[in-house]
Protein backbone atom coordinates (compact mmCIF):
# COMPACT_ATOMS: atom_id res chain seq x y z
CA MET A 1 -17.33 29.32 -14.76
CA ALA A 2 -18.06 30.37 -11.18
CA SER A 3 -16.54 33.61 -10.01
CA PRO A 4 -14.20 33.77 -6.98
CA ALA A 5 -16.94 35.45 -4.96
CA HIS A 6 -19.36 32.65 -5.75
CA LEU A 7 -16.78 30.02 -4.82
CA HIS A 8 -16.14 31.73 -1.50
CA GLY A 9 -19.86 31.71 -0.86
CA ILE A 10 -20.13 27.93 -1.09
CA GLY A 11 -17.06 27.03 0.93
CA PHE A 12 -13.30 26.98 0.34
CA GLY A 13 -12.64 28.08 3.92
CA TYR A 14 -14.62 31.31 4.09
CA ARG A 15 -17.01 29.93 6.70
CA PRO A 16 -18.45 31.27 9.96
CA ARG A 17 -16.03 31.43 12.88
CA ALA A 18 -15.82 33.03 16.31
CA VAL A 19 -15.42 36.80 16.51
CA TYR A 20 -11.99 36.35 18.12
CA ALA A 21 -10.69 34.09 15.34
CA CYS A 22 -8.46 35.08 12.44
CA ASP A 23 -10.61 35.76 9.41
CA PRO A 24 -8.78 34.89 6.17
CA ALA A 25 -10.90 37.43 4.30
CA LEU A 26 -9.32 40.12 6.53
CA SER A 27 -5.72 38.87 6.34
CA ARG A 28 -3.07 41.56 6.54
CA GLY A 29 -1.64 40.10 3.36
CA ARG A 30 1.80 39.09 2.13
CA PHE A 31 5.09 40.98 1.96
CA CYS A 32 5.02 40.60 -1.83
CA GLU A 33 1.51 41.32 -3.06
CA GLU A 34 -0.11 38.50 -5.03
CA PRO A 35 -3.52 37.99 -6.62
CA GLU A 36 -5.97 36.15 -4.38
CA SER A 37 -6.63 32.51 -5.18
CA PRO A 38 -10.14 31.82 -6.51
CA THR A 39 -10.32 28.46 -4.70
CA ARG A 40 -8.26 28.77 -1.51
CA THR A 41 -8.11 31.16 1.42
CA PRO A 42 -4.74 32.78 2.18
CA PHE A 43 -4.21 30.34 5.05
CA GLN A 44 -5.05 27.29 2.95
CA ARG A 45 -2.61 28.55 0.37
CA ASP A 46 0.07 28.92 3.05
CA ARG A 47 -0.51 25.38 4.28
CA ASP A 48 -0.14 24.07 0.73
CA ARG A 49 3.06 26.04 0.14
CA ILE A 50 4.50 24.70 3.37
CA ILE A 51 3.69 21.09 2.47
CA HIS A 52 5.20 21.42 -1.03
CA SER A 53 8.42 23.08 0.19
CA THR A 54 11.84 21.48 0.22
CA ALA A 55 12.19 22.23 3.93
CA PHE A 56 9.07 20.19 4.71
CA ARG A 57 10.39 17.13 2.87
CA ARG A 58 13.71 17.37 4.69
CA LEU A 59 11.92 16.93 8.02
CA LYS A 60 11.55 13.26 7.07
CA HIS A 61 15.20 12.66 7.92
CA LYS A 62 15.64 15.00 10.88
CA THR A 63 15.80 13.72 14.44
CA GLN A 64 13.00 14.11 16.96
CA VAL A 65 14.51 12.24 19.95
CA PHE A 66 16.11 9.18 18.36
CA ILE A 67 18.44 9.46 15.39
CA ALA A 68 16.29 8.74 12.34
CA HIS A 69 18.17 5.66 11.14
CA GLU A 70 17.98 3.91 14.53
CA GLY A 71 14.60 2.44 13.58
CA ASP A 72 11.82 2.77 11.04
CA HIS A 73 9.08 3.48 13.58
CA TYR A 74 10.57 6.28 15.66
CA ARG A 75 9.18 9.77 15.16
CA THR A 76 11.05 12.18 12.95
CA ARG A 77 10.48 15.92 12.69
CA LEU A 78 8.10 15.21 9.81
CA THR A 79 5.86 12.73 11.60
CA HIS A 80 5.96 14.93 14.70
CA SER A 81 4.84 17.96 12.67
CA ILE A 82 1.97 15.99 11.14
CA GLU A 83 0.82 14.85 14.59
CA VAL A 84 1.01 18.42 15.91
CA ALA A 85 -1.01 19.66 12.92
CA GLN A 86 -3.74 17.07 13.54
CA ILE A 87 -4.07 18.10 17.19
CA ALA A 88 -3.88 21.82 16.41
CA ARG A 89 -6.61 21.51 13.82
CA GLY A 90 -8.86 19.70 16.29
CA LEU A 91 -8.33 22.37 18.93
CA ALA A 92 -9.03 25.18 16.46
CA ARG A 93 -12.21 23.45 15.29
CA ALA A 94 -13.47 23.08 18.85
CA LEU A 95 -12.77 26.76 19.53
CA CYS A 96 -14.43 27.87 16.26
CA CYS A 97 -11.20 29.26 14.87
CA ASP A 98 -9.50 28.97 11.49
CA GLU A 99 -8.34 25.36 11.24
CA ASP A 100 -6.17 26.02 8.19
CA LEU A 101 -4.12 28.71 9.93
CA ALA A 102 -3.59 26.49 12.99
CA GLU A 103 -2.52 23.66 10.70
CA ALA A 104 -0.13 25.88 8.73
CA VAL A 105 1.60 27.14 11.88
CA ALA A 106 1.90 23.59 13.20
CA LEU A 107 3.38 22.26 9.97
CA VAL A 108 5.97 25.05 9.67
CA HIS A 109 7.00 25.41 13.31
CA ASP A 110 10.03 23.08 13.09
CA PHE A 111 11.44 24.19 9.71
CA GLY A 112 14.50 25.72 11.36
CA HIS A 113 15.60 22.64 13.28
CA THR A 114 19.08 21.36 12.55
CA PRO A 115 20.09 17.75 11.96
CA PHE A 116 20.19 15.67 15.16
CA GLY A 117 17.49 17.64 16.94
CA HIS A 118 18.31 19.92 19.85
CA THR A 119 21.85 18.53 19.94
CA GLY A 120 22.55 20.08 16.56
CA GLU A 121 20.93 23.34 17.58
CA GLU A 122 23.01 23.61 20.73
CA ALA A 123 26.23 22.86 18.83
CA LEU A 124 25.42 25.37 16.11
CA ASN A 125 24.40 28.00 18.66
CA ASP A 126 27.77 27.57 20.35
CA LYS A 127 29.64 27.86 17.06
CA MET A 128 27.62 30.94 16.07
CA ALA A 129 28.04 32.67 19.45
CA PRO A 130 30.43 35.34 18.09
CA TRP A 131 27.85 36.29 15.44
CA GLY A 132 24.59 36.33 17.37
CA GLY A 133 24.07 32.63 18.02
CA PHE A 134 21.58 30.26 16.42
CA ASP A 135 17.88 29.87 17.23
CA HIS A 136 15.66 27.34 15.45
CA ASN A 137 12.62 29.61 15.58
CA ALA A 138 14.52 32.44 13.89
CA GLN A 139 15.90 29.94 11.41
CA SER A 140 12.36 28.83 10.53
CA LEU A 141 11.61 32.46 9.66
CA ARG A 142 14.74 32.65 7.51
CA VAL A 143 13.69 29.51 5.66
CA VAL A 144 10.22 30.79 4.77
CA THR A 145 11.28 34.37 3.98
CA ARG A 146 14.67 33.88 2.30
CA LEU A 147 16.11 30.41 1.91
CA GLU A 148 13.37 28.56 0.02
CA ARG A 149 13.81 29.42 -3.65
CA ARG A 150 10.86 28.07 -5.60
CA TYR A 151 8.99 31.04 -6.98
CA ALA A 152 9.75 33.32 -9.90
CA GLU A 153 8.92 36.61 -8.18
CA PHE A 154 10.27 36.25 -4.62
CA ASP A 155 12.52 34.31 -2.27
CA GLY A 156 10.93 32.26 0.49
CA LEU A 157 7.29 31.19 0.53
CA ASN A 158 5.73 34.67 0.85
CA LEU A 159 3.39 33.49 3.60
CA ALA A 160 0.55 35.58 4.96
CA TRP A 161 1.28 37.91 7.88
CA GLU A 162 -0.81 35.82 10.27
CA THR A 163 1.14 32.66 9.49
CA LEU A 164 4.46 34.43 10.05
CA GLU A 165 3.13 35.92 13.28
CA GLY A 166 2.16 32.45 14.45
CA LEU A 167 5.53 31.00 13.47
CA VAL A 168 7.48 33.64 15.38
CA LYS A 169 5.20 34.17 18.41
CA HIS A 170 3.31 30.90 18.95
CA ASN A 171 5.01 30.59 22.36
CA GLY A 172 4.17 34.17 23.30
CA PRO A 173 5.53 37.71 22.82
CA LEU A 174 9.27 38.15 22.33
CA THR A 175 9.61 41.72 23.66
CA ASP A 176 8.02 44.12 26.11
CA ARG A 177 6.35 47.30 24.89
CA GLN A 178 9.73 49.05 24.84
CA GLY A 179 11.25 46.42 22.57
CA ASN A 180 13.38 44.72 25.22
CA GLY A 181 13.68 40.94 24.85
CA LEU A 182 11.61 39.01 27.38
CA ASN A 183 13.87 35.94 27.32
CA GLY A 184 17.19 37.44 26.34
CA PRO A 185 18.01 39.23 23.10
CA VAL A 186 15.60 38.68 20.23
CA PRO A 187 17.40 36.86 17.39
CA GLN A 188 18.63 39.30 14.78
CA ALA A 189 16.84 37.49 11.94
CA ILE A 190 13.49 38.12 13.64
CA ARG A 191 14.30 41.76 14.39
CA ASP A 192 15.49 42.35 10.83
CA TYR A 193 12.38 40.87 9.26
CA SER A 194 10.07 42.66 11.68
CA GLU A 195 11.54 45.95 10.50
CA LEU A 196 10.42 45.09 6.97
CA GLN A 197 6.99 43.75 8.00
CA ASP A 198 6.11 44.51 11.61
CA LEU A 199 5.26 41.25 13.39
CA GLU A 200 4.33 43.16 16.57
CA LEU A 201 6.75 41.26 18.75
CA SER A 202 5.33 42.60 22.03
CA ARG A 203 1.81 41.27 21.42
CA PHE A 204 0.42 37.77 21.74
CA ALA A 205 -0.32 35.67 18.67
CA SER A 206 -3.73 34.50 17.53
CA VAL A 207 -5.78 31.73 19.14
CA GLU A 208 -4.87 29.60 16.12
CA ALA A 209 -1.14 29.98 16.79
CA GLN A 210 -1.72 29.24 20.47
CA CYS A 211 -3.52 26.03 19.45
CA ALA A 212 -0.44 25.01 17.44
CA ALA A 213 1.87 25.77 20.36
CA ILE A 214 0.03 23.67 22.93
CA ALA A 215 -0.55 20.92 20.34
CA ASP A 216 3.25 20.65 20.13
CA ASP A 217 3.41 19.92 23.87
CA ILE A 218 0.56 17.42 23.72
CA ALA A 219 2.09 15.58 20.76
CA TYR A 220 5.62 15.16 22.07
CA ASN A 221 4.53 14.35 25.62
CA ALA A 222 2.69 11.37 24.13
CA HIS A 223 4.89 10.21 21.29
CA ASP A 224 8.13 10.56 23.22
CA ILE A 225 6.70 8.07 25.71
CA ASP A 226 5.78 5.80 22.81
CA ASP A 227 9.28 6.03 21.32
CA GLY A 228 10.86 5.54 24.74
CA LEU A 229 8.86 2.36 25.30
CA ARG A 230 9.78 1.11 21.83
CA ALA A 231 13.47 1.78 22.52
CA GLY A 232 13.33 -0.03 25.87
CA LEU A 233 14.48 3.07 27.77
CA LEU A 234 11.09 3.46 29.46
CA THR A 235 8.79 0.80 30.90
CA LEU A 236 5.14 0.77 31.81
CA ASP A 237 6.13 0.15 35.43
CA MET A 238 8.19 3.35 35.41
CA LEU A 239 5.24 5.29 33.99
CA ARG A 240 2.88 3.98 36.67
CA GLY A 241 4.73 6.19 39.14
CA VAL A 242 4.00 9.39 37.17
CA ASP A 243 0.67 11.11 37.87
CA LEU A 244 -0.93 11.45 34.43
CA PRO A 245 0.22 8.25 32.69
CA GLY A 246 -0.06 6.34 35.97
CA ARG A 247 -3.71 7.32 36.36
CA ILE A 248 -4.44 6.31 32.76
CA LEU A 249 -2.60 2.99 33.10
CA ARG A 250 -4.63 2.12 36.18
CA ALA A 251 -7.84 2.75 34.25
CA VAL A 252 -6.60 0.67 31.30
CA GLY A 253 -5.60 -2.17 33.62
CA GLU A 254 -8.98 -2.18 35.32
CA ARG A 255 -10.85 -2.43 32.03
CA TYR A 256 -8.42 -4.72 30.19
CA PRO A 257 -6.61 -6.78 32.85
CA ASP A 258 -5.06 -9.19 30.33
CA LEU A 259 -4.00 -6.63 27.69
CA ASP A 260 -0.48 -7.16 26.35
CA PRO A 261 2.18 -4.47 27.02
CA VAL A 262 2.34 -3.17 23.43
CA ARG A 263 -1.38 -2.55 23.19
CA THR A 264 -1.35 -1.15 26.72
CA GLY A 265 1.23 1.40 25.62
CA HIS A 266 -0.85 2.41 22.60
CA GLU A 267 -3.95 2.69 24.76
CA LEU A 268 -1.99 4.96 27.09
CA MET A 269 -1.00 7.20 24.18
CA ARG A 270 -4.48 7.66 22.76
CA ARG A 271 -6.04 8.25 26.17
CA GLN A 272 -3.35 10.69 27.23
CA ILE A 273 -3.75 12.75 24.06
CA THR A 274 -7.53 12.73 24.48
CA ALA A 275 -7.30 13.79 28.13
CA MET A 276 -4.96 16.67 27.34
CA VAL A 277 -6.92 17.86 24.31
CA GLU A 278 -10.23 17.81 26.16
CA ASP A 279 -8.65 19.64 29.10
CA VAL A 280 -7.32 22.39 26.82
CA ILE A 281 -10.67 22.78 25.06
CA ASP A 282 -12.60 23.07 28.33
CA THR A 283 -10.04 25.46 29.85
CA ALA A 284 -9.78 27.67 26.77
CA ARG A 285 -13.55 27.91 26.43
CA GLU A 286 -13.84 29.01 30.06
CA THR A 287 -11.09 31.59 29.56
CA LEU A 288 -12.61 32.94 26.35
CA ASP A 289 -16.09 33.08 27.91
CA ALA A 290 -14.71 35.05 30.84
CA LEU A 291 -12.61 37.43 28.76
CA GLN A 292 -15.13 37.88 25.93
CA PRO A 293 -12.65 39.01 23.25
CA ARG A 294 -14.55 40.70 20.42
CA SER A 295 -11.80 40.42 17.81
CA VAL A 296 -8.42 38.86 17.14
CA GLU A 297 -6.92 42.19 18.21
CA ASP A 298 -8.42 41.64 21.66
CA VAL A 299 -6.66 38.26 21.74
CA ARG A 300 -3.35 39.88 20.83
CA ASP A 301 -3.82 42.44 23.60
CA ALA A 302 -5.09 40.02 26.24
CA GLY A 303 -1.81 40.10 28.14
CA ARG A 304 -1.72 36.32 28.57
CA THR A 305 -1.98 33.06 26.70
CA LEU A 306 -5.62 32.02 26.32
CA VAL A 307 -5.16 28.42 25.13
CA THR A 308 -3.70 26.59 28.12
CA PHE A 309 -3.98 23.53 30.30
CA SER A 310 -6.08 23.74 33.45
CA PRO A 311 -4.04 24.33 36.63
CA ALA A 312 -4.38 20.66 37.60
CA MET A 313 -3.35 19.38 34.17
CA ALA A 314 -0.47 21.90 34.04
CA VAL A 315 0.93 20.36 37.23
CA GLU A 316 0.65 16.85 35.80
CA GLU A 317 2.15 17.93 32.47
CA LYS A 318 5.11 19.54 34.23
CA ALA A 319 5.71 16.38 36.24
CA LEU A 320 5.59 14.30 33.06
CA LYS A 321 8.13 16.56 31.36
CA SER A 322 10.44 16.27 34.36
CA PHE A 323 10.14 12.50 34.20
CA LEU A 324 10.94 12.44 30.47
CA TYR A 325 13.98 14.69 30.92
CA ALA A 326 15.36 12.54 33.70
CA ASN A 327 14.63 9.14 32.20
CA LEU A 328 14.58 9.61 28.43
CA TYR A 329 16.24 12.80 27.16
CA ARG A 330 19.06 12.46 29.71
CA HIS A 331 19.33 8.69 29.51
CA PRO A 332 23.01 7.63 29.21
CA ASP A 333 22.37 5.87 25.89
CA VAL A 334 20.70 8.96 24.42
CA LEU A 335 23.42 11.25 25.78
CA GLU A 336 26.13 9.08 24.26
CA VAL A 337 24.59 9.32 20.80
CA ARG A 338 24.02 13.04 21.30
CA SER A 339 27.68 13.60 22.12
CA ARG A 340 28.70 11.94 18.86
CA ALA A 341 26.14 13.93 16.89
CA ASP A 342 27.45 17.11 18.53
CA ARG A 343 30.91 16.30 17.17
CA VAL A 344 29.57 15.85 13.65
CA VAL A 345 27.90 19.29 13.61
CA ARG A 346 30.93 21.06 15.09
CA ASP A 347 33.31 19.38 12.66
CA LEU A 348 31.17 20.33 9.67
CA PHE A 349 30.87 23.95 10.75
CA ASP A 350 34.64 24.24 11.21
CA ALA A 351 35.33 22.61 7.83
CA TYR A 352 32.95 24.84 5.86
CA PHE A 353 33.98 27.98 7.71
CA ALA A 354 37.66 27.29 7.03
CA ASN A 355 37.03 26.41 3.39
CA PRO A 356 33.64 27.50 1.97
CA ARG A 357 34.56 25.84 -1.33
CA GLU A 358 33.61 22.55 0.34
CA MET A 359 29.99 23.66 0.19
CA PRO A 360 27.93 23.02 -2.97
CA GLU A 361 27.55 25.47 -5.81
CA GLY A 362 24.99 28.08 -4.88
CA TRP A 363 26.28 28.32 -1.32
CA ARG A 364 30.01 28.94 -1.65
CA GLU A 365 30.11 31.80 -4.17
CA GLY A 366 31.89 34.86 -2.81
CA LEU A 367 32.32 33.50 0.70
CA ASP A 368 36.14 33.39 0.42
CA ARG A 369 36.10 37.19 0.41
CA ALA A 370 33.08 37.72 2.68
CA GLU A 371 33.15 39.12 6.20
CA GLU A 372 33.29 36.47 8.91
CA ARG A 373 29.76 37.38 10.03
CA VAL A 374 28.33 36.80 6.55
CA LYS A 375 30.33 33.63 6.01
CA ALA A 376 29.31 32.18 9.39
CA ARG A 377 25.62 32.84 8.79
CA ASP A 378 25.72 31.23 5.34
CA VAL A 379 27.49 28.19 6.78
CA ALA A 380 24.84 28.00 9.51
CA ASP A 381 22.04 28.26 6.93
CA PHE A 382 23.54 25.42 4.91
CA LEU A 383 24.25 23.23 7.92
CA ALA A 384 20.86 23.83 9.56
CA GLY A 385 19.09 22.69 6.42
CA MET A 386 20.83 19.33 6.36
CA THR A 387 19.09 16.08 7.19
CA ASP A 388 20.77 13.66 9.58
CA THR A 389 21.70 11.40 6.68
CA TYR A 390 23.22 14.18 4.57
CA ALA A 391 25.22 15.50 7.52
CA LEU A 392 26.72 12.06 8.09
CA LYS A 393 27.55 11.68 4.39
CA GLU A 394 29.25 15.06 4.35
CA HIS A 395 31.24 14.19 7.46
CA GLU A 396 32.35 10.93 5.85
CA ARG A 397 33.44 12.88 2.76
CA LEU A 398 35.42 15.48 4.70
CA PHE A 399 36.91 13.45 7.56
CA ASP A 400 38.78 10.18 7.95
CA ARG A 401 36.55 8.97 10.79
CA THR A 402 32.86 9.62 11.37
CA PRO A 403 31.18 8.83 14.71
CA ASP A 404 28.81 5.87 14.71
CA LEU A 405 25.39 7.15 15.76
CA ARG A 406 23.69 3.77 15.99
């Protein structure tokens, strides 16, 4: 049988990459030491653990923009994460980086999201305000380091340092060199874990993590338009007045003057994703060529994000986001459903906090006698892990009336 060294020599992810990329053979390792896999790199192993986790499966029934049961074809957190991973992998490939690490960060980045999307997060953050608040990024870290319980020797998924770094810092550093939070206080869960395994919160993350971060923007800018068109809250005529989609729609109309609206919308999506991806690749290559980082440590110390849109595309992307906020995310119909979902999350938190025995076995033990801080965080962990459907079922069990989210 071939030895691990021989297997690595013929593939399995140990392939040439740019000098500034993360090299899986030089990974900083895992918090709990494990034997190396003979067939997978550390980052491939992380991706596989993420995909096989309970938290990943729950994303199937967690809201992206529209409540999951409103229609079979709207994006959920799961389909969104898969789309982000596909784009992130393509970006990493073009930049000669580790595709598996970019994919792993993309697939895990939304693990901490609550039911009902950002509505649930805002409600839970408000309820948790006396005990440090709630942050979905910090919750993702809690999931992969504590809350998943699948392995005999450790809690969490025991992911490689580089994957955890990407999860926590894909949007940039969290502190300055003195440890002060750059955007308010750093969530306690991130600070606590970083004391156990230093995630270097003042430095930038790898190029691979940056690919995952911008892939998130590219994915939701496109698929939120698609979902908005499907829901009838957006129209192609509305989009013609926005720079980026308007320019694409004009090109589509010139080439296919008789194309039906549905296919026109799909053509818009694919062309918009392509335009943004190609812009990021060209811009990042120019930045990397100018900076000439000689290692991933140079990337971490660059002082700025290296995987970005061009200035022109950044302006168009900002205008598109503003349009989506005004016409989709803040649409009266969406806000009405959000207000009802907000009530569900607040009611559930109050019910479990008042009587932890309402939570399932494995969650409620000892909470009757626990400090409020401990009890609140356990309730938040349980509630954040819920799918939309489970949250509604629990509300129906505990309350006489449950808001209709359809």
